[in-house]
Protein backbone atom coordinates (compact mmCIF):
# COMPACT_ATOMS: atom_id res chain seq x y z
CA MET A 1 32.25 4.23 30.47
CA ARG A 2 35.65 5.82 30.64
CA ILE A 3 38.00 4.20 33.15
CA PRO A 4 38.19 6.45 36.24
CA ARG A 5 41.52 7.84 37.37
CA ARG A 6 40.89 7.77 41.11
CA LEU A 7 42.73 4.94 42.82
CA ALA A 8 41.72 5.30 46.50
CA PRO A 9 38.88 3.03 47.67
CA ILE A 10 35.90 4.90 49.09
CA CYS A 11 32.91 3.36 50.88
CA LEU A 12 29.65 3.80 48.98
CA THR A 13 26.40 4.19 50.94
CA MET A 14 23.56 2.00 49.71
CA SER A 15 19.92 1.60 50.78
CA ALA A 16 18.82 0.99 54.35
CA ALA A 17 19.15 -2.72 53.72
CA THR A 18 22.77 -2.25 52.75
CA ALA A 19 25.44 -2.28 55.41
CA LEU A 20 27.75 0.71 55.67
CA THR A 21 31.01 -0.41 57.24
CA ALA A 22 34.69 0.37 57.06
CA CYS A 23 36.49 -0.38 53.81
CA SER A 24 39.16 -2.47 55.50
CA ASN A 25 39.11 -5.92 57.08
CA THR A 26 36.67 -7.38 54.56
CA ALA A 27 35.34 -10.89 54.97
CA ALA A 28 36.91 -11.78 51.65
CA THR A 29 40.38 -11.50 53.17
CA SER A 30 39.64 -12.22 56.83
CA GLY A 31 39.08 -15.89 56.07
CA HIS A 32 35.69 -15.97 57.82
CA LYS A 33 32.28 -16.39 56.26
CA SER A 34 29.94 -13.45 56.59
CA ASN A 35 26.41 -12.45 55.64
CA THR A 36 27.86 -9.13 54.48
CA LEU A 37 28.94 -9.26 50.86
CA THR A 38 31.58 -6.72 49.85
CA ILE A 39 31.63 -5.51 46.26
CA SER A 40 34.23 -3.39 44.44
CA VAL A 41 32.76 -1.01 41.86
CA TRP A 42 34.21 1.78 39.74
CA GLY A 43 32.99 4.55 37.47
CA VAL A 44 31.29 7.94 37.73
CA ASN A 45 28.35 8.72 40.01
CA GLU A 46 25.81 7.76 37.37
CA ASP A 47 27.47 4.34 37.10
CA MET A 48 27.21 3.87 40.84
CA ASP A 49 23.53 4.80 40.83
CA SER A 50 22.78 2.33 38.05
CA ILE A 51 24.49 -0.50 39.93
CA LYS A 52 22.64 0.35 43.15
CA ALA A 53 19.33 0.28 41.30
CA ALA A 54 20.09 -3.12 39.75
CA ALA A 55 21.16 -4.49 43.14
CA LYS A 56 17.81 -3.71 44.81
CA GLY A 57 16.27 -6.80 43.27
CA PHE A 58 19.00 -8.94 44.80
CA GLU A 59 18.51 -7.35 48.22
CA GLN A 60 14.78 -8.01 48.09
CA ALA A 61 15.28 -11.64 47.06
CA ASN A 62 18.07 -12.22 49.61
CA PRO A 63 17.21 -10.24 52.76
CA SER A 64 19.72 -12.18 54.88
CA ILE A 65 22.64 -10.97 52.74
CA LYS A 66 23.83 -7.43 53.39
CA LEU A 67 25.68 -5.52 50.68
CA LYS A 68 28.63 -3.21 51.22
CA PHE A 69 29.90 -1.47 48.09
CA ASN A 70 33.45 -0.13 47.97
CA LYS A 71 34.17 2.49 45.32
CA THR A 72 37.60 1.66 43.93
CA ASP A 73 39.37 1.32 40.60
CA CYS A 74 40.00 -2.38 41.27
CA GLY A 75 38.74 -4.14 38.15
CA ALA A 76 39.26 -1.19 35.87
CA ASP A 77 42.91 -1.20 36.90
CA TYR A 78 44.32 -4.59 37.92
CA ALA A 79 47.19 -2.95 39.80
CA VAL A 80 44.68 -1.53 42.29
CA CYS A 81 43.29 -5.04 42.90
CA LYS A 82 46.81 -6.27 43.62
CA THR A 83 47.23 -3.54 46.24
CA LEU A 84 43.93 -4.47 47.90
CA ILE A 85 44.84 -8.15 47.93
CA ALA A 86 48.25 -7.42 49.47
CA GLY A 87 46.60 -5.26 52.14
CA ARG A 88 43.94 -7.92 52.83
CA ASN A 89 41.21 -5.52 51.73
CA MET A 90 39.95 -7.35 48.64
CA SER A 91 36.18 -7.50 48.14
CA ASP A 92 34.11 -10.62 47.53
CA VAL A 93 32.88 -9.36 44.14
CA LEU A 94 34.47 -7.10 41.53
CA VAL A 95 33.83 -5.69 38.06
CA THR A 96 36.47 -6.71 35.52
CA GLY A 97 37.17 -5.35 32.04
CA SER A 98 37.82 -7.38 28.91
CA TRP A 99 41.23 -5.67 28.76
CA ASN A 100 42.46 -7.23 32.04
CA PHE A 101 40.18 -10.24 32.60
CA ASN A 102 42.66 -12.86 31.40
CA GLU A 103 45.51 -11.48 33.47
CA MET A 104 43.36 -11.79 36.60
CA ALA A 105 42.19 -15.28 35.65
CA ASN A 106 45.78 -16.36 34.95
CA ASP A 107 46.85 -15.13 38.40
CA GLY A 108 44.09 -17.04 40.18
CA VAL A 109 42.28 -13.90 41.36
CA LEU A 110 38.90 -14.88 39.85
CA ALA A 111 36.74 -17.81 40.89
CA ASP A 112 35.87 -20.42 38.26
CA LEU A 113 32.09 -20.09 37.72
CA THR A 114 31.64 -22.79 35.08
CA ASP A 115 30.23 -25.55 37.33
CA ARG A 116 27.99 -23.08 39.18
CA MET A 117 26.58 -21.90 35.86
CA ALA A 118 25.75 -25.47 34.86
CA ALA A 119 24.19 -26.24 38.25
CA ASP A 120 21.95 -23.15 38.14
CA GLY A 121 21.04 -23.40 34.45
CA VAL A 122 22.88 -20.26 33.34
CA LYS A 123 23.70 -20.89 29.67
CA ALA A 124 26.28 -19.14 27.53
CA SER A 125 23.64 -19.10 24.77
CA ASP A 126 21.62 -16.68 26.91
CA PHE A 127 24.19 -13.96 26.15
CA VAL A 128 25.53 -12.15 23.08
CA PRO A 129 28.13 -14.65 21.72
CA VAL A 130 31.14 -12.37 21.22
CA VAL A 131 30.52 -10.85 24.67
CA ILE A 132 30.16 -14.05 26.71
CA ASP A 133 33.18 -15.51 24.90
CA SER A 134 35.32 -12.75 26.43
CA ASP A 135 34.55 -14.23 29.87
CA LYS A 136 36.12 -17.57 28.96
CA ALA A 137 39.72 -17.66 30.11
CA ALA A 138 42.27 -18.26 27.38
CA LYS A 139 44.15 -20.63 29.68
CA ASP A 140 41.41 -23.29 29.92
CA GLY A 141 38.24 -22.08 28.16
CA ARG A 142 36.27 -21.94 31.42
CA PHE A 143 34.11 -19.07 32.65
CA TYR A 144 35.52 -16.81 35.35
CA ALA A 145 32.95 -14.00 35.02
CA LEU A 146 29.55 -13.12 33.58
CA PRO A 147 28.89 -10.00 31.50
CA MET A 148 27.46 -6.85 33.01
CA GLY A 149 27.25 -5.29 29.55
CA TYR A 150 29.33 -3.96 26.69
CA ASN A 151 30.20 -0.95 24.55
CA VAL A 152 30.53 -0.91 20.74
CA GLN A 153 32.51 1.58 18.68
CA SER A 154 30.20 3.33 16.20
CA LEU A 155 30.13 6.52 14.11
CA PHE A 156 28.33 9.50 15.63
CA TYR A 157 27.46 12.32 13.25
CA ASN A 158 25.94 15.82 13.37
CA LYS A 159 22.76 15.83 11.29
CA ASP A 160 22.72 19.61 10.76
CA MET A 161 26.29 19.64 9.46
CA PHE A 162 25.55 16.90 6.94
CA ALA A 163 22.45 18.77 5.76
CA LYS A 164 24.29 22.08 5.38
CA ALA A 165 27.05 20.36 3.39
CA GLY A 166 24.47 18.80 1.07
CA LEU A 167 25.52 15.29 2.08
CA LYS A 168 23.37 12.24 2.65
CA GLU A 169 23.71 10.80 6.13
CA PRO A 170 25.95 7.72 6.53
CA PRO A 171 24.17 4.38 5.93
CA ALA A 172 23.15 3.12 9.36
CA ASP A 173 24.18 -0.47 8.61
CA GLY A 174 27.79 0.44 7.75
CA ASN A 175 27.34 0.02 3.99
CA TYR A 176 29.91 2.68 3.13
CA THR A 177 33.72 2.84 3.14
CA TYR A 178 36.56 4.67 4.85
CA ASP A 179 37.15 6.36 1.50
CA ASP A 180 33.59 7.71 1.74
CA LEU A 181 34.23 8.89 5.28
CA ARG A 182 37.40 10.67 4.19
CA LYS A 183 35.59 12.45 1.34
CA TRP A 184 32.79 13.53 3.68
CA ALA A 185 35.32 14.85 6.19
CA LEU A 186 36.81 17.11 3.49
CA LYS A 187 33.43 18.71 2.85
CA LEU A 188 32.53 18.89 6.53
CA THR A 189 35.72 20.62 7.68
CA LEU A 190 35.39 24.41 7.51
CA ASP A 191 37.70 27.36 8.09
CA ALA A 192 36.68 30.72 9.53
CA ASP A 193 35.73 31.98 6.06
CA GLY A 194 33.42 29.03 5.39
CA ASN A 195 35.75 27.23 2.98
CA ASN A 196 35.76 23.45 3.26
CA ALA A 197 38.94 21.37 3.23
CA ALA A 198 38.40 20.42 -0.42
CA SER A 199 38.59 24.07 -1.48
CA PRO A 200 41.87 25.61 -2.73
CA LYS A 201 41.03 28.62 -0.53
CA PHE A 202 40.86 26.51 2.65
CA ASN A 203 43.06 27.79 5.51
CA PRO A 204 44.06 24.90 7.81
CA LYS A 205 45.29 27.39 10.44
CA ARG A 206 41.80 28.81 10.91
CA ILE A 207 39.63 25.70 11.30
CA VAL A 208 36.35 26.26 13.14
CA GLN A 209 34.65 22.95 12.31
CA TRP A 210 36.41 19.58 12.02
CA GLY A 211 35.11 16.75 9.90
CA TYR A 212 36.24 13.81 12.04
CA ASN A 213 37.54 12.72 15.40
CA ASN A 214 39.15 9.37 16.15
CA ARG A 215 40.50 8.42 19.57
CA ILE A 216 43.89 7.66 18.00
CA ALA A 217 44.61 11.31 18.86
CA GLU A 218 44.50 10.47 22.60
CA PRO A 219 46.02 7.87 21.71
CA SER A 220 43.65 4.99 22.45
CA GLU A 221 43.31 1.46 21.09
CA PRO A 222 39.49 1.69 20.69
CA GLY A 223 40.19 4.48 18.21
CA PHE A 224 42.62 2.85 15.82
CA SER A 225 42.02 -0.90 16.19
CA PRO A 226 38.64 -1.05 14.39
CA VAL A 227 40.16 0.86 11.46
CA LEU A 228 43.19 -1.44 11.28
CA TRP A 229 41.00 -4.56 11.44
CA ALA A 230 38.79 -3.24 8.64
CA TYR A 231 41.92 -2.85 6.51
CA GLY A 232 43.07 -6.38 7.38
CA GLY A 233 45.80 -5.40 9.84
CA GLY A 234 46.07 -4.73 13.56
CA VAL A 235 48.43 -4.65 16.53
CA LEU A 236 48.20 -8.19 17.89
CA GLY A 237 46.69 -10.94 15.75
CA GLY A 238 45.93 -14.62 16.05
CA ASP A 239 43.22 -16.29 18.12
CA LYS A 240 45.14 -15.52 21.30
CA ARG A 241 46.44 -12.11 20.21
CA ASP A 242 49.97 -13.47 20.39
CA ARG A 243 51.20 -12.48 16.93
CA CYS A 244 52.56 -9.09 15.90
CA ASP A 245 50.59 -7.65 12.97
CA LEU A 246 52.13 -4.19 13.08
CA GLU A 247 54.33 -4.62 10.03
CA LYS A 248 51.59 -6.00 7.79
CA PRO A 249 51.00 -3.69 4.79
CA ALA A 250 47.33 -3.49 5.74
CA THR A 251 48.23 -2.06 9.16
CA ALA A 252 50.31 0.70 7.56
CA GLN A 253 47.48 1.40 5.12
CA GLY A 254 44.94 1.91 7.90
CA MET A 255 47.35 4.00 9.97
CA GLN A 256 48.23 6.11 6.95
CA LEU A 257 44.57 6.93 6.40
CA LEU A 258 44.27 8.24 9.95
CA GLN A 259 47.54 10.17 9.69
CA ASP A 260 46.56 11.71 6.37
CA MET A 261 43.21 12.87 7.72
CA MET A 262 45.03 14.71 10.51
CA TRP A 263 48.05 16.14 8.69
CA LYS A 264 47.36 16.05 4.93
CA ASP A 265 43.63 16.69 4.73
CA HIS A 266 43.49 18.69 8.00
CA THR A 267 40.05 17.23 8.66
CA ALA A 268 40.64 15.27 11.88
CA VAL A 269 41.39 16.36 15.44
CA THR A 270 45.15 16.14 16.11
CA PRO A 271 46.93 15.19 19.35
CA GLN A 272 47.71 18.86 20.02
CA MET A 273 44.05 19.81 19.69
CA GLU A 274 43.10 16.78 21.80
CA GLN A 275 45.25 18.15 24.64
CA GLU A 276 43.57 21.55 24.41
CA THR A 277 40.02 20.17 24.30
CA PRO A 278 39.26 16.44 23.98
CA GLY A 279 37.85 15.54 20.58
CA TYR A 280 34.69 13.98 22.00
CA LEU A 281 33.90 17.25 23.79
CA ARG A 282 34.42 19.14 20.55
CA TRP A 283 31.78 16.86 19.01
CA ILE A 284 29.42 17.40 21.96
CA GLN A 285 29.93 21.16 21.56
CA GLY A 286 28.95 20.99 17.89
CA LYS A 287 32.44 21.63 16.49
CA VAL A 288 33.08 18.17 14.97
CA ALA A 289 30.86 16.58 12.32
CA MET A 290 31.74 12.89 12.81
CA GLN A 291 33.39 10.95 15.57
CA GLN A 292 34.08 7.34 16.41
CA GLY A 293 32.86 6.51 19.89
CA SER A 294 30.73 4.30 22.13
CA HIS A 295 27.31 4.67 23.73
CA GLU A 296 28.58 6.84 26.58
CA GLN A 297 28.47 9.74 24.12
CA VAL A 298 24.66 9.55 24.20
CA THR A 299 24.64 10.19 27.93
CA ILE A 300 27.19 12.99 27.69
CA ALA A 301 25.28 14.70 24.88
CA ALA A 302 22.04 14.55 26.86
CA GLN A 303 23.74 16.14 29.84
CA GLN A 304 25.91 18.77 28.17
CA ASN A 305 24.16 19.65 24.89
CA PRO A 306 20.59 18.29 24.78
CA SER A 307 19.81 20.40 21.69
CA LEU A 308 22.49 18.61 19.62
CA LYS A 309 20.90 16.97 16.57
CA TYR A 310 22.78 13.78 15.85
CA ASP A 311 22.45 10.14 14.97
CA MET A 312 24.77 7.17 14.70
CA ALA A 313 25.77 4.57 12.14
CA ALA A 314 27.78 1.37 12.19
CA LEU A 315 31.46 1.83 11.36
CA PRO A 316 32.40 1.75 7.64
CA LYS A 317 33.98 -0.96 5.53
CA GLY A 318 37.66 -1.29 4.82
CA PRO A 319 39.28 -3.62 2.29
CA ALA A 320 38.72 -6.55 4.68
CA GLY A 321 35.12 -5.61 5.54
CA ASN A 322 33.27 -4.00 8.45
CA ALA A 323 34.97 -4.18 11.83
CA THR A 324 34.42 -2.74 15.27
CA LEU A 325 35.70 -3.15 18.83
CA ILE A 326 33.67 -4.28 21.82
CA GLN A 327 34.66 -3.52 25.41
CA VAL A 328 33.07 -5.75 28.05
CA HIS A 329 32.48 -5.12 31.74
CA SER A 330 31.85 -8.29 33.75
CA TRP A 331 30.89 -9.40 37.25
CA ALA A 332 33.36 -11.77 38.93
CA ALA A 333 33.92 -13.36 42.33
CA TYR A 334 37.22 -13.19 44.21
CA ALA A 335 38.64 -16.73 44.21
CA LYS A 336 39.88 -16.63 47.82
CA SER A 337 36.71 -15.19 49.30
CA PRO A 338 35.07 -17.34 52.00
CA ASN A 339 31.77 -16.00 50.66
CA VAL A 340 32.01 -17.37 47.12
CA ASP A 341 28.55 -18.98 47.37
CA ASN A 342 26.88 -15.63 48.08
CA ALA A 343 29.19 -13.89 45.62
CA TRP A 344 28.00 -16.26 42.89
CA LYS A 345 24.36 -15.52 43.76
CA PHE A 346 25.05 -11.81 43.37
CA VAL A 347 27.02 -12.23 40.11
CA LYS A 348 24.28 -14.40 38.64
CA HIS A 349 21.55 -11.91 39.56
CA MET A 350 23.39 -8.88 38.23
CA ALA A 351 24.18 -10.63 34.93
CA THR A 352 20.70 -12.12 34.39
CA ALA A 353 17.59 -10.97 36.30
CA GLY A 354 19.23 -7.64 37.14
CA ALA A 355 20.65 -7.04 33.66
CA GLY A 356 20.11 -3.67 32.02
CA LYS A 357 21.05 -0.04 32.66
CA GLN A 358 24.24 -0.93 34.56
CA MET A 359 26.98 1.66 33.88
CA GLY A 360 25.14 2.80 30.75
CA LEU A 361 26.23 -0.34 28.87
CA ILE A 362 24.42 -2.45 26.30
CA PRO A 363 22.87 -5.38 28.20
CA ALA A 364 24.40 -8.69 27.12
CA TYR A 365 21.68 -10.97 28.52
CA LYS A 366 19.06 -12.47 26.18
CA ASP A 367 16.86 -9.83 24.54
CA VAL A 368 17.11 -7.24 27.32
CA ALA A 369 18.96 -4.91 24.93
CA GLU A 370 15.92 -4.91 22.61
CA GLY A 371 13.62 -3.60 25.38
CA PRO A 372 13.22 -0.53 27.61
CA ALA A 373 16.65 -0.96 29.17
CA PHE A 374 18.38 0.10 25.95
CA LEU A 375 16.82 0.08 22.49
CA LYS A 376 13.45 1.46 23.56
CA ALA A 377 14.75 3.85 26.18
CA PRO A 378 13.72 7.49 25.69
CA GLY A 379 16.20 9.82 24.02
CA GLU A 380 18.15 7.17 22.12
CA PRO A 381 19.34 7.79 18.52
CA SER A 382 17.11 6.55 15.70
CA HIS A 383 19.62 4.03 14.34
CA LEU A 384 20.74 2.57 17.65
CA LYS A 385 20.05 -1.04 16.63
CA GLN A 386 22.00 -0.87 13.36
CA ALA A 387 24.91 1.03 14.92
CA GLN A 388 25.24 -0.66 18.31
CA LEU A 389 23.50 -4.04 18.36
CA ASP A 390 23.85 -5.53 14.89
CA PRO A 391 27.67 -5.10 14.61
CA ALA A 392 28.12 -7.61 17.46
CA ALA A 393 27.52 -10.34 14.86
CA TRP A 394 30.07 -9.07 12.31
CA PRO A 395 32.87 -11.57 11.54
CA LEU A 396 35.53 -8.91 12.18
CA THR A 397 34.04 -7.66 15.46
CA ARG A 398 36.44 -8.30 18.34
CA THR A 399 36.73 -7.58 22.03
CA ASN A 400 39.85 -6.01 23.47
CA ILE A 401 40.80 -9.20 25.27
CA ASP A 402 44.42 -9.53 26.36
CA PRO A 403 45.08 -13.27 26.93
CA LYS A 404 48.74 -12.87 27.86
CA GLY A 405 48.37 -9.64 29.82
CA VAL A 406 50.89 -7.85 27.62
CA LEU A 407 48.88 -5.28 25.70
CA SER A 408 49.83 -2.34 27.91
CA ALA A 409 53.50 -3.20 27.41
CA VAL A 410 53.00 -3.69 23.66
CA LEU A 411 51.41 -0.24 23.42
CA GLY A 412 54.06 1.27 25.71
CA GLN A 413 57.50 2.81 25.16
CA ASP A 414 59.23 -0.56 24.88
CA GLY A 415 56.86 -1.66 22.13
CA PHE A 416 54.59 0.14 19.69
CA GLY A 417 54.39 3.44 21.61
CA PRO A 418 57.21 5.40 19.90
CA ALA A 419 56.00 4.38 16.43
CA LEU A 420 52.43 5.33 17.27
CA ASN A 421 53.61 8.71 18.50
CA ASP A 422 55.51 9.28 15.23
CA ILE A 423 52.39 8.40 13.26
CA ILE A 424 49.88 10.56 15.12
CA THR A 425 52.22 13.55 15.25
CA GLY A 426 52.99 13.24 11.54
CA LYS A 427 56.75 12.79 12.01
CA LYS A 428 57.00 9.69 9.82
CA PRO A 429 54.81 7.92 7.27
CA ALA A 430 53.06 4.94 8.81
CA ALA A 431 55.07 2.23 7.01
CA GLU A 432 58.36 3.86 7.99
CA ALA A 433 57.30 4.34 11.61
CA LEU A 434 56.11 0.73 11.91
CA LYS A 435 59.30 -0.79 10.49
CA GLY A 436 61.05 -2.84 13.16
CA THR A 437 58.21 -2.70 15.68
CA CYS A 438 57.54 -6.44 15.56
CA ALA A 439 61.03 -7.19 16.86
CA LYS A 440 60.21 -5.16 19.96
CA VAL A 441 56.77 -6.69 20.33
CA ASP A 442 58.09 -10.22 19.89
CA LYS A 443 60.39 -9.66 22.87
CA ILE A 444 57.40 -8.64 24.99
CA LEU A 445 55.44 -11.66 23.76
CA GLY A 446 58.38 -13.88 24.57
CA SER A 447 58.51 -15.30 21.05
């Protein structure tokens, strides 16, 4: 799911068994134990509904525990959690993201769940390995959360557009290359006269159908990172993401591909077009042939253009192999809550017995993803397993973990931001734009 922009906490009404109380003066910060468990959640209405549905099983099994859900961006945005903590309004339970989990664990916001997992027989082996590993804190290797679910970056494509262009559909298992993708984009990009981008008659000022959309145009790390990893580069490297990889030749090579598709080939959605109409909406509307995105696009397509004929494939190979990015949402308990025992019961239920269909994510628990909660759900693309489940085992698949809590600064104006802007706007070739960026990033890393 996309991270919501609202920052103000709002009380969320649950079932009759769920308490509806004021958002302030929570037990978590009052210092007193309570049978009312407060839970911070974020997302769109459909996300809220999915969490409420999953929580019914917990309510039935624990009738003495009342649930009060607070709708807030705490967890999606760590700064909001800090505000709630300072105002003594922090909930007992929250949903973290792999992008801010370590920063919260480092600050002592999250309760250590490792011993409770062992006592209750919750095993890390019960979850998808790369996903559960993102809930181990970099500081000590202990678990401070359990996965709700995860998203995987894949390639969505318009079946009709491929057929009209006389192209075979992308191999579902990712057995194709970024060079293949670039060639397809040339044939799939059309001007108002029906000329494709490979034609000498093509008019780039009159494009009516784009071949490709990558979230680098937003700009967004889930867009460019999988491409850079496939080329053997990246932004931050090393096991703890504490090494600048921006000036590696492979990074420039991957960035140059994305720049060339926007400004040389004229086949990819540019930042200017992204501002007018987001690229993912252009794909939903049937104006983009291929886009890199996560499973949320399935839900959006069903809602906004149910007649769209599409499928998905795993992302292509680069010189280093196949790579993709996983974003994880996890359930965690507030470390200073007097209700940690009940919070753990809720976290355990939502990550295990209640797993599936939460926030539209891929379930991370056991084989739930292979059943009706995901793979066998009605309306899913034909190649869902190859595109979304199998890539979790790729050697180059990574989560967007941020062990040192510096990624936002690295991607900001004091780090990589200006260079990225020069690349996506076509002002400088990638290698030239990236020159000198590691000196800035090293300062942020403190190295």
